[in-house]
Amino acid sequence: MSLAVSPRRPVLADLIAHPSARARAFALDAGLVVAGAAAVAALAQVEVPLWPVPITGQTLGVVVVGAALGARRGAASLATYLFAGLVGLPVFAGFTGGIATVLKPSFGFIIGFVVAAFVAGWFAERAWDRRPVLAFVGFVAASAIPFAFGIPYMAFILNVVGGGTFGLSEILAFGLWPFVVGGLVKAALAALLIPGTWAAVRAIDAAKKA
């Protein structure tokens, strides 16, 4: 029988008395997730009223948050945003919120934001966000995700729940065509902002080493 003593492992009380690196990392991650949700909430209020789906700054926020935080934290941030709105915080466009928003034609786009942030983060984790051209391609792909959720959801709310008789061409006129140019512009802005931030970080690091 060996008398060697194995290294002591922390117990739960150790996490309270002496916060570990993992605990600090979790707190930092939680703060970043909440900050990302707040940024999207702020950009949601940059709005051009349009029926049945308004044009807002949300997509820009979703892409930037996803790229800055990474896939998992980005998705968690937008899931936090979604949950905050559903429980009644006025974080959606027009300072709205509440469970009744699930009946709005635009709600499917908000669901898609969670996946879009993950996709933007996935590209960023593969360093696509370091170069403007690659960043633009990745961000356009991420920006397209909400439409895959939003358009079918909008059709369901308008036609099934609302009793409408809108055809595909009308649904696309409501939920896709008005947003194409704006989506490309917002992807381009993000493709300048994120790589520009990386360039600034590299310049600062180089100055410190000089």
N, C-alpha and C. Protein backbone atom coordinates (compact mmCIF):
# COMPACT_ATOMS: atom_id res chain seq x y z
N MET A 1 0.84 -1.20 0.00
CA MET A 1 0.00 0.00 0.00
C MET A 1 0.87 1.24 0.00
N SER A 2 0.65 2.15 -0.94
CA SER A 2 1.47 3.34 -1.04
C SER A 2 1.03 4.37 -0.02
N LEU A 3 2.03 5.04 0.58
CA LEU A 3 1.75 6.10 1.56
C LEU A 3 1.80 7.48 0.91
N ALA A 4 2.01 7.51 -0.39
CA ALA A 4 2.10 8.80 -1.08
C ALA A 4 0.77 9.54 -0.97
N VAL A 5 0.87 10.82 -0.69
CA VAL A 5 -0.31 11.65 -0.52
C VAL A 5 -0.62 12.36 -1.83
N SER A 6 -1.85 12.18 -2.34
CA SER A 6 -2.22 12.84 -3.59
C SER A 6 -2.42 14.32 -3.35
N PRO A 7 -2.22 15.16 -4.39
CA PRO A 7 -2.41 16.60 -4.23
C PRO A 7 -3.82 16.92 -3.78
N ARG A 8 -3.94 17.92 -2.95
CA ARG A 8 -5.26 18.33 -2.46
C ARG A 8 -6.05 18.96 -3.59
N ARG A 9 -7.30 18.59 -3.72
CA ARG A 9 -8.20 19.15 -4.72
C ARG A 9 -9.17 20.11 -4.04
N PRO A 10 -9.55 21.20 -4.71
CA PRO A 10 -10.47 22.15 -4.09
C PRO A 10 -11.84 21.54 -3.83
N VAL A 11 -12.46 22.00 -2.79
CA VAL A 11 -13.85 21.66 -2.50
C VAL A 11 -14.69 22.89 -2.76
N LEU A 12 -16.01 22.77 -2.62
CA LEU A 12 -16.88 23.89 -2.94
C LEU A 12 -16.56 25.12 -2.12
N ALA A 13 -16.22 24.94 -0.86
CA ALA A 13 -15.93 26.09 0.00
C ALA A 13 -14.71 26.86 -0.49
N ASP A 14 -13.78 26.16 -1.15
CA ASP A 14 -12.59 26.84 -1.67
C ASP A 14 -12.97 27.84 -2.76
N LEU A 15 -14.01 27.52 -3.50
CA LEU A 15 -14.44 28.43 -4.55
C LEU A 15 -15.00 29.72 -3.98
N ILE A 16 -15.57 29.63 -2.79
CA ILE A 16 -16.14 30.83 -2.14
C ILE A 16 -15.04 31.62 -1.45
N ALA A 17 -14.16 30.93 -0.74
CA ALA A 17 -13.12 31.62 0.03
C ALA A 17 -12.02 32.18 -0.86
N HIS A 18 -11.66 31.40 -1.87
CA HIS A 18 -10.56 31.81 -2.75
C HIS A 18 -10.99 31.56 -4.19
N PRO A 19 -11.55 32.54 -4.83
CA PRO A 19 -12.04 32.34 -6.21
C PRO A 19 -10.92 31.83 -7.12
N SER A 20 -11.23 30.79 -7.84
CA SER A 20 -10.26 30.18 -8.74
C SER A 20 -10.23 30.91 -10.07
N ALA A 21 -9.25 30.58 -10.90
CA ALA A 21 -9.18 31.16 -12.24
C ALA A 21 -10.43 30.81 -13.03
N ARG A 22 -10.95 29.60 -12.82
CA ARG A 22 -12.16 29.20 -13.54
C ARG A 22 -13.34 30.05 -13.11
N ALA A 23 -13.44 30.35 -11.82
CA ALA A 23 -14.55 31.18 -11.35
C ALA A 23 -14.44 32.59 -11.92
N ARG A 24 -13.23 33.12 -11.95
CA ARG A 24 -13.04 34.46 -12.50
C ARG A 24 -13.35 34.47 -13.99
N ALA A 25 -12.96 33.40 -14.69
CA ALA A 25 -13.25 33.32 -16.12
C ALA A 25 -14.75 33.25 -16.36
N PHE A 26 -15.46 32.52 -15.51
CA PHE A 26 -16.91 32.42 -15.66
C PHE A 26 -17.56 33.79 -15.44
N ALA A 27 -17.09 34.52 -14.43
CA ALA A 27 -17.64 35.84 -14.17
C ALA A 27 -17.38 36.78 -15.34
N LEU A 28 -16.18 36.68 -15.92
CA LEU A 28 -15.86 37.51 -17.08
C LEU A 28 -16.75 37.15 -18.27
N ASP A 29 -16.91 35.85 -18.50
CA ASP A 29 -17.77 35.41 -19.60
C ASP A 29 -19.19 35.90 -19.41
N ALA A 30 -19.69 35.80 -18.18
CA ALA A 30 -21.06 36.25 -17.90
C ALA A 30 -21.20 37.75 -18.16
N GLY A 31 -20.19 38.52 -17.76
CA GLY A 31 -20.22 39.95 -18.00
C GLY A 31 -20.22 40.28 -19.48
N LEU A 32 -19.42 39.55 -20.27
CA LEU A 32 -19.36 39.78 -21.70
C LEU A 32 -20.68 39.41 -22.38
N VAL A 33 -21.28 38.34 -21.93
CA VAL A 33 -22.57 37.91 -22.49
C VAL A 33 -23.64 38.97 -22.25
N VAL A 34 -23.69 39.49 -21.03
CA VAL A 34 -24.68 40.51 -20.70
C VAL A 34 -24.40 41.80 -21.47
N ALA A 35 -23.12 42.17 -21.57
CA ALA A 35 -22.76 43.38 -22.31
C ALA A 35 -23.15 43.25 -23.78
N GLY A 36 -22.95 42.08 -24.36
CA GLY A 36 -23.34 41.86 -25.75
C GLY A 36 -24.84 41.99 -25.94
N ALA A 37 -25.61 41.43 -25.01
CA ALA A 37 -27.07 41.54 -25.08
C ALA A 37 -27.50 43.00 -24.98
N ALA A 38 -26.83 43.76 -24.11
CA ALA A 38 -27.16 45.18 -23.95
C ALA A 38 -26.84 45.97 -25.22
N ALA A 39 -25.74 45.61 -25.89
CA ALA A 39 -25.37 46.31 -27.13
C ALA A 39 -26.42 46.07 -28.21
N VAL A 40 -26.89 44.84 -28.33
CA VAL A 40 -27.93 44.53 -29.32
C VAL A 40 -29.23 45.25 -28.97
N ALA A 41 -29.55 45.30 -27.68
CA ALA A 41 -30.76 46.01 -27.25
C ALA A 41 -30.69 47.49 -27.62
N ALA A 42 -29.51 48.09 -27.47
CA ALA A 42 -29.36 49.49 -27.82
C ALA A 42 -29.51 49.70 -29.33
N LEU A 43 -28.90 48.84 -30.12
CA LEU A 43 -28.99 48.98 -31.57
C LEU A 43 -30.38 48.65 -32.10
N ALA A 44 -31.14 47.88 -31.33
CA ALA A 44 -32.52 47.58 -31.74
C ALA A 44 -33.37 48.84 -31.79
N GLN A 45 -32.96 49.86 -31.05
CA GLN A 45 -33.74 51.10 -31.00
C GLN A 45 -33.38 52.04 -32.16
N VAL A 46 -32.35 51.68 -32.93
CA VAL A 46 -32.05 52.41 -34.16
C VAL A 46 -32.97 51.81 -35.22
N GLU A 47 -34.09 52.43 -35.44
CA GLU A 47 -35.18 51.78 -36.16
C GLU A 47 -35.76 52.65 -37.26
N VAL A 48 -36.05 52.00 -38.38
CA VAL A 48 -36.85 52.59 -39.45
C VAL A 48 -38.17 51.83 -39.46
N PRO A 49 -39.26 52.42 -38.98
CA PRO A 49 -40.52 51.69 -38.89
C PRO A 49 -40.97 51.17 -40.26
N LEU A 50 -41.31 49.90 -40.28
CA LEU A 50 -41.76 49.26 -41.51
C LEU A 50 -42.63 48.08 -41.12
N TRP A 51 -43.75 47.90 -41.82
CA TRP A 51 -44.64 46.78 -41.51
C TRP A 51 -44.41 45.66 -42.50
N PRO A 52 -44.37 44.39 -42.04
CA PRO A 52 -44.57 43.92 -40.67
C PRO A 52 -43.27 43.76 -39.89
N VAL A 53 -42.13 44.03 -40.56
CA VAL A 53 -40.82 43.89 -39.90
C VAL A 53 -40.06 45.20 -40.04
N PRO A 54 -39.70 45.85 -38.93
CA PRO A 54 -38.97 47.11 -39.04
C PRO A 54 -37.51 46.89 -39.41
N ILE A 55 -36.90 47.89 -39.98
CA ILE A 55 -35.46 47.87 -40.23
C ILE A 55 -34.77 48.44 -38.99
N THR A 56 -33.84 47.67 -38.41
CA THR A 56 -33.17 48.11 -37.19
C THR A 56 -31.66 47.88 -37.31
N GLY A 57 -30.95 48.31 -36.28
CA GLY A 57 -29.52 48.07 -36.21
C GLY A 57 -29.17 46.76 -35.56
N GLN A 58 -30.16 45.92 -35.28
CA GLN A 58 -29.91 44.67 -34.56
C GLN A 58 -28.92 43.76 -35.28
N THR A 59 -29.08 43.62 -36.59
CA THR A 59 -28.22 42.68 -37.31
C THR A 59 -26.75 43.06 -37.18
N LEU A 60 -26.46 44.35 -37.25
CA LEU A 60 -25.08 44.79 -37.04
C LEU A 60 -24.60 44.39 -35.66
N GLY A 61 -25.44 44.61 -34.65
CA GLY A 61 -25.07 44.23 -33.29
C GLY A 61 -24.86 42.74 -33.15
N VAL A 62 -25.72 41.95 -33.78
CA VAL A 62 -25.61 40.49 -33.70
C VAL A 62 -24.28 40.02 -34.28
N VAL A 63 -23.92 40.53 -35.45
CA VAL A 63 -22.70 40.11 -36.11
C VAL A 63 -21.47 40.54 -35.31
N VAL A 64 -21.47 41.78 -34.84
CA VAL A 64 -20.32 42.28 -34.09
C VAL A 64 -20.17 41.54 -32.76
N VAL A 65 -21.27 41.33 -32.08
CA VAL A 65 -21.22 40.61 -30.80
C VAL A 65 -20.75 39.18 -31.02
N GLY A 66 -21.30 38.51 -32.03
CA GLY A 66 -20.87 37.14 -32.30
C GLY A 66 -19.39 37.06 -32.63
N ALA A 67 -18.91 37.96 -33.47
CA ALA A 67 -17.50 37.94 -33.86
C ALA A 67 -16.59 38.29 -32.68
N ALA A 68 -17.01 39.24 -31.87
CA ALA A 68 -16.18 39.68 -30.74
C ALA A 68 -16.14 38.66 -29.61
N LEU A 69 -17.25 37.98 -29.38
CA LEU A 69 -17.33 37.07 -28.23
C LEU A 69 -17.05 35.62 -28.60
N GLY A 70 -17.14 35.27 -29.87
CA GLY A 70 -16.97 33.88 -30.26
C GLY A 70 -18.32 33.17 -30.35
N ALA A 71 -18.29 31.96 -30.87
CA ALA A 71 -19.52 31.25 -31.19
C ALA A 71 -20.40 31.00 -29.96
N ARG A 72 -19.85 30.37 -28.93
CA ARG A 72 -20.68 30.00 -27.78
C ARG A 72 -21.12 31.20 -26.96
N ARG A 73 -20.19 32.10 -26.68
CA ARG A 73 -20.58 33.27 -25.90
C ARG A 73 -21.49 34.20 -26.71
N GLY A 74 -21.23 34.29 -28.01
CA GLY A 74 -22.10 35.11 -28.85
C GLY A 74 -23.52 34.58 -28.86
N ALA A 75 -23.67 33.26 -29.05
CA ALA A 75 -25.00 32.66 -29.03
C ALA A 75 -25.65 32.83 -27.66
N ALA A 76 -24.86 32.69 -26.60
CA ALA A 76 -25.40 32.88 -25.25
C ALA A 76 -25.85 34.31 -25.04
N SER A 77 -25.12 35.25 -25.61
CA SER A 77 -25.49 36.66 -25.47
C SER A 77 -26.83 36.95 -26.13
N LEU A 78 -27.03 36.41 -27.34
CA LEU A 78 -28.30 36.64 -28.03
C LEU A 78 -29.43 35.84 -27.43
N ALA A 79 -29.12 34.68 -26.84
CA ALA A 79 -30.15 33.94 -26.11
C ALA A 79 -30.57 34.73 -24.87
N THR A 80 -29.60 35.40 -24.23
CA THR A 80 -29.91 36.26 -23.09
C THR A 80 -30.79 37.43 -23.52
N TYR A 81 -30.46 38.01 -24.65
CA TYR A 81 -31.28 39.10 -25.22
C TYR A 81 -32.70 38.62 -25.48
N LEU A 82 -32.83 37.46 -26.08
CA LEU A 82 -34.15 36.89 -26.37
C LEU A 82 -34.94 36.66 -25.09
N PHE A 83 -34.29 36.06 -24.10
CA PHE A 83 -34.97 35.78 -22.84
C PHE A 83 -35.36 37.06 -22.12
N ALA A 84 -34.46 38.05 -22.13
CA ALA A 84 -34.76 39.32 -21.46
C ALA A 84 -35.99 39.97 -22.07
N GLY A 85 -36.10 39.91 -23.39
CA GLY A 85 -37.28 40.48 -24.03
C GLY A 85 -38.55 39.73 -23.69
N LEU A 86 -38.46 38.41 -23.66
CA LEU A 86 -39.66 37.61 -23.39
C LEU A 86 -40.18 37.81 -21.98
N VAL A 87 -39.28 38.08 -21.02
CA VAL A 87 -39.75 38.28 -19.64
C VAL A 87 -40.24 39.70 -19.40
N GLY A 88 -40.15 40.53 -20.43
CA GLY A 88 -40.76 41.85 -20.32
C GLY A 88 -39.84 43.04 -20.36
N LEU A 89 -38.54 42.83 -20.40
CA LEU A 89 -37.63 43.98 -20.50
C LEU A 89 -37.78 44.61 -21.88
N PRO A 90 -37.78 45.93 -21.96
CA PRO A 90 -38.02 46.61 -23.25
C PRO A 90 -36.77 46.65 -24.13
N VAL A 91 -36.31 45.49 -24.56
CA VAL A 91 -35.05 45.40 -25.30
C VAL A 91 -35.26 45.22 -26.80
N PHE A 92 -36.48 44.86 -27.21
CA PHE A 92 -36.74 44.70 -28.63
C PHE A 92 -36.98 46.06 -29.28
N ALA A 93 -37.09 46.08 -30.60
CA ALA A 93 -37.28 47.33 -31.33
C ALA A 93 -38.48 48.10 -30.80
N GLY A 94 -38.32 49.41 -30.73
CA GLY A 94 -39.40 50.24 -30.21
C GLY A 94 -39.58 50.12 -28.71
N PHE A 95 -38.52 49.70 -28.00
CA PHE A 95 -38.57 49.51 -26.55
C PHE A 95 -39.74 48.62 -26.15
N THR A 96 -39.88 47.51 -26.86
CA THR A 96 -40.95 46.57 -26.56
C THR A 96 -40.36 45.30 -25.93
N GLY A 97 -41.23 44.51 -25.37
CA GLY A 97 -40.86 43.25 -24.76
C GLY A 97 -42.11 42.56 -24.25
N GLY A 98 -41.92 41.37 -23.70
CA GLY A 98 -43.06 40.63 -23.17
C GLY A 98 -43.35 39.39 -23.99
N ILE A 99 -44.05 38.45 -23.39
CA ILE A 99 -44.31 37.17 -24.02
C ILE A 99 -45.18 37.33 -25.27
N ALA A 100 -45.97 38.40 -25.32
CA ALA A 100 -46.85 38.61 -26.48
C ALA A 100 -46.07 38.87 -27.76
N THR A 101 -44.78 39.18 -27.64
CA THR A 101 -43.99 39.45 -28.84
C THR A 101 -43.82 38.21 -29.71
N VAL A 102 -44.09 37.03 -29.16
CA VAL A 102 -43.98 35.82 -29.98
C VAL A 102 -45.04 35.81 -31.08
N LEU A 103 -46.06 36.63 -30.93
CA LEU A 103 -47.11 36.70 -31.95
C LEU A 103 -46.84 37.78 -32.99
N LYS A 104 -45.72 38.48 -32.85
CA LYS A 104 -45.38 39.49 -33.85
C LYS A 104 -44.71 38.81 -35.04
N PRO A 105 -45.00 39.29 -36.26
CA PRO A 105 -44.39 38.68 -37.44
C PRO A 105 -42.86 38.72 -37.44
N SER A 106 -42.30 39.67 -36.71
CA SER A 106 -40.84 39.84 -36.72
C SER A 106 -40.11 38.96 -35.71
N PHE A 107 -40.84 38.22 -34.88
CA PHE A 107 -40.18 37.50 -33.78
C PHE A 107 -39.26 36.39 -34.29
N GLY A 108 -39.58 35.79 -35.41
CA GLY A 108 -38.73 34.73 -35.94
C GLY A 108 -37.32 35.20 -36.24
N PHE A 109 -37.18 36.47 -36.62
CA PHE A 109 -35.85 37.01 -36.87
C PHE A 109 -35.03 37.04 -35.58
N ILE A 110 -35.68 37.35 -34.47
CA ILE A 110 -34.98 37.39 -33.19
C ILE A 110 -34.48 36.00 -32.81
N ILE A 111 -35.30 34.99 -33.08
CA ILE A 111 -34.85 33.61 -32.84
C ILE A 111 -33.61 33.33 -33.68
N GLY A 112 -33.64 33.76 -34.93
CA GLY A 112 -32.50 33.53 -35.82
C GLY A 112 -31.24 34.25 -35.40
N PHE A 113 -31.38 35.32 -34.62
CA PHE A 113 -30.20 36.05 -34.16
C PHE A 113 -29.27 35.16 -33.34
N VAL A 114 -29.83 34.24 -32.58
CA VAL A 114 -29.00 33.37 -31.74
C VAL A 114 -28.07 32.54 -32.62
N VAL A 115 -28.61 31.95 -33.67
CA VAL A 115 -27.80 31.14 -34.58
C VAL A 115 -26.84 32.03 -35.38
N ALA A 116 -27.31 33.21 -35.78
CA ALA A 116 -26.46 34.13 -36.54
C ALA A 116 -25.22 34.53 -35.73
N ALA A 117 -25.40 34.80 -34.45
CA ALA A 117 -24.26 35.16 -33.61
C ALA A 117 -23.28 34.00 -33.50
N PHE A 118 -23.82 32.79 -33.40
CA PHE A 118 -22.96 31.60 -33.35
C PHE A 118 -22.14 31.49 -34.63
N VAL A 119 -22.79 31.68 -35.77
CA VAL A 119 -22.10 31.57 -37.06
C VAL A 119 -21.03 32.65 -37.20
N ALA A 120 -21.36 33.89 -36.83
CA ALA A 120 -20.37 34.96 -36.88
C ALA A 120 -19.18 34.63 -35.99
N GLY A 121 -19.45 34.10 -34.82
CA GLY A 121 -18.38 33.70 -33.91
C GLY A 121 -17.57 32.54 -34.45
N TRP A 122 -18.23 31.61 -35.12
CA TRP A 122 -17.54 30.46 -35.71
C TRP A 122 -16.53 30.93 -36.75
N PHE A 123 -16.93 31.86 -37.59
CA PHE A 123 -16.00 32.40 -38.57
C PHE A 123 -14.86 33.15 -37.89
N ALA A 124 -15.19 33.91 -36.85
CA ALA A 124 -14.15 34.67 -36.14
C ALA A 124 -13.14 33.73 -35.50
N GLU A 125 -13.61 32.60 -34.98
CA GLU A 125 -12.71 31.64 -34.34
C GLU A 125 -11.77 30.98 -35.34
N ARG A 126 -12.05 31.14 -36.59
CA ARG A 126 -11.18 30.65 -37.65
C ARG A 126 -10.42 31.78 -38.34
N ALA A 127 -10.39 32.92 -37.65
CA ALA A 127 -9.59 34.09 -38.04
C ALA A 127 -10.10 34.78 -39.31
N TRP A 128 -11.34 34.53 -39.70
CA TRP A 128 -11.90 35.24 -40.84
C TRP A 128 -12.12 36.71 -40.51
N ASP A 129 -12.19 37.03 -39.22
CA ASP A 129 -12.47 38.41 -38.82
C ASP A 129 -11.22 39.28 -38.83
N ARG A 130 -10.07 38.73 -39.23
CA ARG A 130 -8.84 39.51 -39.23
C ARG A 130 -8.65 40.27 -40.54
N ARG A 131 -9.31 39.82 -41.62
CA ARG A 131 -9.16 40.43 -42.94
C ARG A 131 -10.52 40.90 -43.44
N PRO A 132 -10.62 42.13 -43.90
CA PRO A 132 -11.92 42.69 -44.28
C PRO A 132 -12.70 41.86 -45.29
N VAL A 133 -12.03 41.32 -46.31
CA VAL A 133 -12.76 40.58 -47.34
C VAL A 133 -13.35 39.29 -46.77
N LEU A 134 -12.53 38.52 -46.07
CA LEU A 134 -13.03 37.29 -45.46
C LEU A 134 -14.09 37.61 -44.40
N ALA A 135 -13.86 38.67 -43.65
CA ALA A 135 -14.83 39.05 -42.63
C ALA A 135 -16.17 39.39 -43.28
N PHE A 136 -16.13 40.10 -44.38
CA PHE A 136 -17.37 40.47 -45.08
C PHE A 136 -18.12 39.22 -45.54
N VAL A 137 -17.41 38.25 -46.10
CA VAL A 137 -18.06 37.02 -46.56
C VAL A 137 -18.70 36.29 -45.38
N GLY A 138 -17.95 36.15 -44.30
CA GLY A 138 -18.49 35.47 -43.12
C GLY A 138 -19.67 36.20 -42.51
N PHE A 139 -19.58 37.51 -42.48
CA PHE A 139 -20.65 38.30 -41.86
C PHE A 139 -21.90 38.32 -42.74
N VAL A 140 -21.74 38.29 -44.04
CA VAL A 140 -22.91 38.18 -44.93
C VAL A 140 -23.61 36.84 -44.69
N ALA A 141 -22.80 35.78 -44.57
CA ALA A 141 -23.38 34.46 -44.30
C ALA A 141 -24.15 34.47 -42.97
N ALA A 142 -23.56 35.08 -41.95
CA ALA A 142 -24.23 35.15 -40.66
C ALA A 142 -25.49 36.00 -40.73
N SER A 143 -25.42 37.09 -41.49
CA SER A 143 -26.57 37.99 -41.61
C SER A 143 -27.74 37.35 -42.34
N ALA A 144 -27.46 36.33 -43.15
CA ALA A 144 -28.53 35.65 -43.88
C ALA A 144 -29.31 34.69 -42.99
N ILE A 145 -28.71 34.25 -41.89
CA ILE A 145 -29.34 33.25 -41.02
C ILE A 145 -30.70 33.70 -40.50
N PRO A 146 -30.86 34.91 -39.97
CA PRO A 146 -32.16 35.30 -39.43
C PRO A 146 -33.31 35.20 -40.43
N PHE A 147 -33.01 35.37 -41.72
CA PHE A 147 -34.07 35.27 -42.73
C PHE A 147 -34.59 33.84 -42.85
N ALA A 148 -33.69 32.87 -42.65
CA ALA A 148 -34.10 31.47 -42.72
C ALA A 148 -35.12 31.14 -41.62
N PHE A 149 -35.02 31.84 -40.50
CA PHE A 149 -35.99 31.67 -39.42
C PHE A 149 -37.15 32.65 -39.56
N GLY A 150 -36.81 33.88 -39.89
CA GLY A 150 -37.80 34.96 -39.84
C GLY A 150 -38.87 34.90 -40.90
N ILE A 151 -38.51 34.53 -42.13
CA ILE A 151 -39.49 34.54 -43.21
C ILE A 151 -40.56 33.46 -43.02
N PRO A 152 -40.19 32.20 -42.74
CA PRO A 152 -41.25 31.21 -42.48
C PRO A 152 -42.10 31.57 -41.26
N TYR A 153 -41.45 32.10 -40.22
CA TYR A 153 -42.19 32.48 -39.01
C TYR A 153 -43.18 33.60 -39.33
N MET A 154 -42.73 34.58 -40.09
CA MET A 154 -43.60 35.68 -40.46
C MET A 154 -44.79 35.19 -41.28
N ALA A 155 -44.54 34.28 -42.21
CA ALA A 155 -45.62 33.73 -43.02
C ALA A 155 -46.63 33.00 -42.15
N PHE A 156 -46.13 32.27 -41.16
CA PHE A 156 -47.03 31.54 -40.26
C PHE A 156 -47.90 32.49 -39.44
N ILE A 157 -47.29 33.54 -38.90
CA ILE A 157 -48.04 34.49 -38.08
C ILE A 157 -49.07 35.23 -38.93
N LEU A 158 -48.67 35.68 -40.10
CA LEU A 158 -49.58 36.46 -40.94
C LEU A 158 -50.71 35.61 -41.51
N ASN A 159 -50.37 34.40 -41.97
CA ASN A 159 -51.36 33.61 -42.68
C ASN A 159 -52.14 32.63 -41.80
N VAL A 160 -51.45 31.99 -40.88
CA VAL A 160 -52.11 30.98 -40.04
C VAL A 160 -52.72 31.61 -38.81
N VAL A 161 -51.93 32.36 -38.08
CA VAL A 161 -52.44 33.00 -36.86
C VAL A 161 -53.34 34.18 -37.21
N GLY A 162 -52.89 35.00 -38.15
CA GLY A 162 -53.64 36.21 -38.50
C GLY A 162 -54.70 36.02 -39.55
N GLY A 163 -54.76 34.84 -40.15
CA GLY A 163 -55.79 34.57 -41.14
C GLY A 163 -55.59 35.26 -42.47
N GLY A 164 -54.35 35.65 -42.79
CA GLY A 164 -54.09 36.32 -44.05
C GLY A 164 -53.98 35.34 -45.21
N THR A 165 -53.83 35.89 -46.37
CA THR A 165 -53.68 35.07 -47.58
C THR A 165 -52.50 35.56 -48.42
N PHE A 166 -51.41 35.84 -47.76
CA PHE A 166 -50.24 36.38 -48.45
C PHE A 166 -49.46 35.26 -49.14
N GLY A 167 -49.14 35.46 -50.41
CA GLY A 167 -48.35 34.50 -51.16
C GLY A 167 -46.87 34.70 -50.95
N LEU A 168 -46.07 33.82 -51.57
CA LEU A 168 -44.62 33.86 -51.38
C LEU A 168 -44.03 35.19 -51.82
N SER A 169 -44.48 35.70 -52.96
CA SER A 169 -43.93 36.96 -53.45
C SER A 169 -44.20 38.10 -52.49
N GLU A 170 -45.38 38.08 -51.87
CA GLU A 170 -45.71 39.13 -50.90
C GLU A 170 -44.91 38.96 -49.62
N ILE A 171 -44.74 37.73 -49.18
CA ILE A 171 -43.94 37.46 -47.97
C ILE A 171 -42.51 37.93 -48.18
N LEU A 172 -41.94 37.64 -49.33
CA LEU A 172 -40.57 38.09 -49.62
C LEU A 172 -40.50 39.61 -49.72
N ALA A 173 -41.55 40.22 -50.24
CA ALA A 173 -41.59 41.68 -50.31
C ALA A 173 -41.65 42.30 -48.93
N PHE A 174 -42.27 41.58 -47.99
CA PHE A 174 -42.36 42.08 -46.62
C PHE A 174 -41.06 41.84 -45.84
N GLY A 175 -40.49 40.63 -45.99
CA GLY A 175 -39.44 40.21 -45.07
C GLY A 175 -38.06 40.01 -45.63
N LEU A 176 -37.87 40.20 -46.93
CA LEU A 176 -36.53 39.98 -47.49
C LEU A 176 -36.01 41.15 -48.30
N TRP A 177 -36.71 41.50 -49.38
CA TRP A 177 -36.17 42.49 -50.31
C TRP A 177 -35.86 43.84 -49.67
N PRO A 178 -36.66 44.35 -48.74
CA PRO A 178 -36.30 45.66 -48.16
C PRO A 178 -35.03 45.65 -47.33
N PHE A 179 -34.53 44.44 -47.00
CA PHE A 179 -33.42 44.34 -46.06
C PHE A 179 -32.10 43.95 -46.71
N VAL A 180 -32.12 43.65 -48.01
CA VAL A 180 -30.91 43.13 -48.66
C VAL A 180 -29.80 44.17 -48.67
N VAL A 181 -30.08 45.35 -49.16
CA VAL A 181 -29.04 46.39 -49.25
C VAL A 181 -28.55 46.77 -47.85
N GLY A 182 -29.47 46.99 -46.94
CA GLY A 182 -29.08 47.34 -45.57
C GLY A 182 -28.25 46.26 -44.92
N GLY A 183 -28.59 44.99 -45.18
CA GLY A 183 -27.82 43.90 -44.61
C GLY A 183 -26.40 43.87 -45.13
N LEU A 184 -26.24 44.13 -46.42
CA LEU A 184 -24.89 44.17 -47.00
C LEU A 184 -24.09 45.33 -46.44
N VAL A 185 -24.74 46.47 -46.25
CA VAL A 185 -24.06 47.63 -45.67
C VAL A 185 -23.62 47.34 -44.24
N LYS A 186 -24.51 46.73 -43.46
CA LYS A 186 -24.15 46.43 -42.07
C LYS A 186 -23.04 45.38 -41.99
N ALA A 187 -23.07 44.39 -42.90
CA ALA A 187 -21.98 43.42 -42.94
C ALA A 187 -20.66 44.09 -43.29
N ALA A 188 -20.72 45.06 -44.21
CA ALA A 188 -19.51 45.79 -44.59
C ALA A 188 -18.98 46.62 -43.43
N LEU A 189 -19.87 47.26 -42.69
CA LEU A 189 -19.45 48.03 -41.52
C LEU A 189 -18.76 47.14 -40.50
N ALA A 190 -19.37 45.98 -40.24
CA ALA A 190 -18.76 45.04 -39.29
C ALA A 190 -17.42 44.54 -39.80
N ALA A 191 -17.33 44.36 -41.14
CA ALA A 191 -16.08 43.87 -41.74
C ALA A 191 -14.98 44.93 -41.73
N LEU A 192 -15.33 46.16 -41.47
CA LEU A 192 -14.34 47.21 -41.26
C LEU A 192 -14.01 47.36 -39.78
N LEU A 193 -15.05 47.27 -38.95
CA LEU A 193 -14.88 47.50 -37.52
C LEU A 193 -14.04 46.41 -36.85
N ILE A 194 -14.39 45.15 -37.08
CA ILE A 194 -13.71 44.07 -36.38
C ILE A 194 -12.25 43.93 -36.82
N PRO A 195 -11.96 43.84 -38.13
CA PRO A 195 -10.54 43.80 -38.52
C PRO A 195 -9.78 45.07 -38.11
N GLY A 196 -10.46 46.22 -38.13
CA GLY A 196 -9.82 47.44 -37.68
C GLY A 196 -9.43 47.37 -36.21
N THR A 197 -10.30 46.76 -35.41
CA THR A 197 -10.00 46.58 -34.00
C THR A 197 -8.81 45.65 -33.80
N TRP A 198 -8.76 44.56 -34.60
CA TRP A 198 -7.61 43.66 -34.53
C TRP A 198 -6.32 44.39 -34.90
N ALA A 199 -6.38 45.23 -35.91
CA ALA A 199 -5.19 45.98 -36.33
C ALA A 199 -4.72 46.91 -35.21
N ALA A 200 -5.69 47.53 -34.52
CA ALA A 200 -5.34 48.41 -33.41
C ALA A 200 -4.69 47.62 -32.27
N VAL A 201 -5.22 46.43 -32.00
CA VAL A 201 -4.65 45.59 -30.95
C VAL A 201 -3.22 45.20 -31.29
N ARG A 202 -3.00 44.81 -32.55
CA ARG A 202 -1.64 44.44 -32.96
C ARG A 202 -0.69 45.62 -32.88
N ALA A 203 -1.19 46.81 -33.22
CA ALA A 203 -0.33 48.00 -33.15
C ALA A 203 0.05 48.32 -31.70
N ILE A 204 -0.90 48.17 -30.81
CA ILE A 204 -0.63 48.42 -29.39
C ILE A 204 0.38 47.42 -28.86
N ASP A 205 0.21 46.13 -29.23
CA ASP A 205 1.15 45.10 -28.78
C ASP A 205 2.55 45.37 -29.33
N ALA A 206 2.63 45.81 -30.59
CA ALA A 206 3.93 46.12 -31.17
C ALA A 206 4.58 47.29 -30.47
N ALA A 207 3.80 48.29 -30.10
CA ALA A 207 4.35 49.46 -29.42
C ALA A 207 4.87 49.09 -28.04
N LYS A 208 4.18 48.15 -27.37
CA LYS A 208 4.64 47.72 -26.04
C LYS A 208 5.96 46.98 -26.11
N LYS A 209 6.13 46.23 -27.21
CA LYS A 209 7.36 45.42 -27.35
C LYS A 209 8.54 46.26 -27.85
N ALA A 210 8.24 47.41 -28.43
CA ALA A 210 9.31 48.27 -28.99
C ALA A 210 10.15 48.89 -27.90
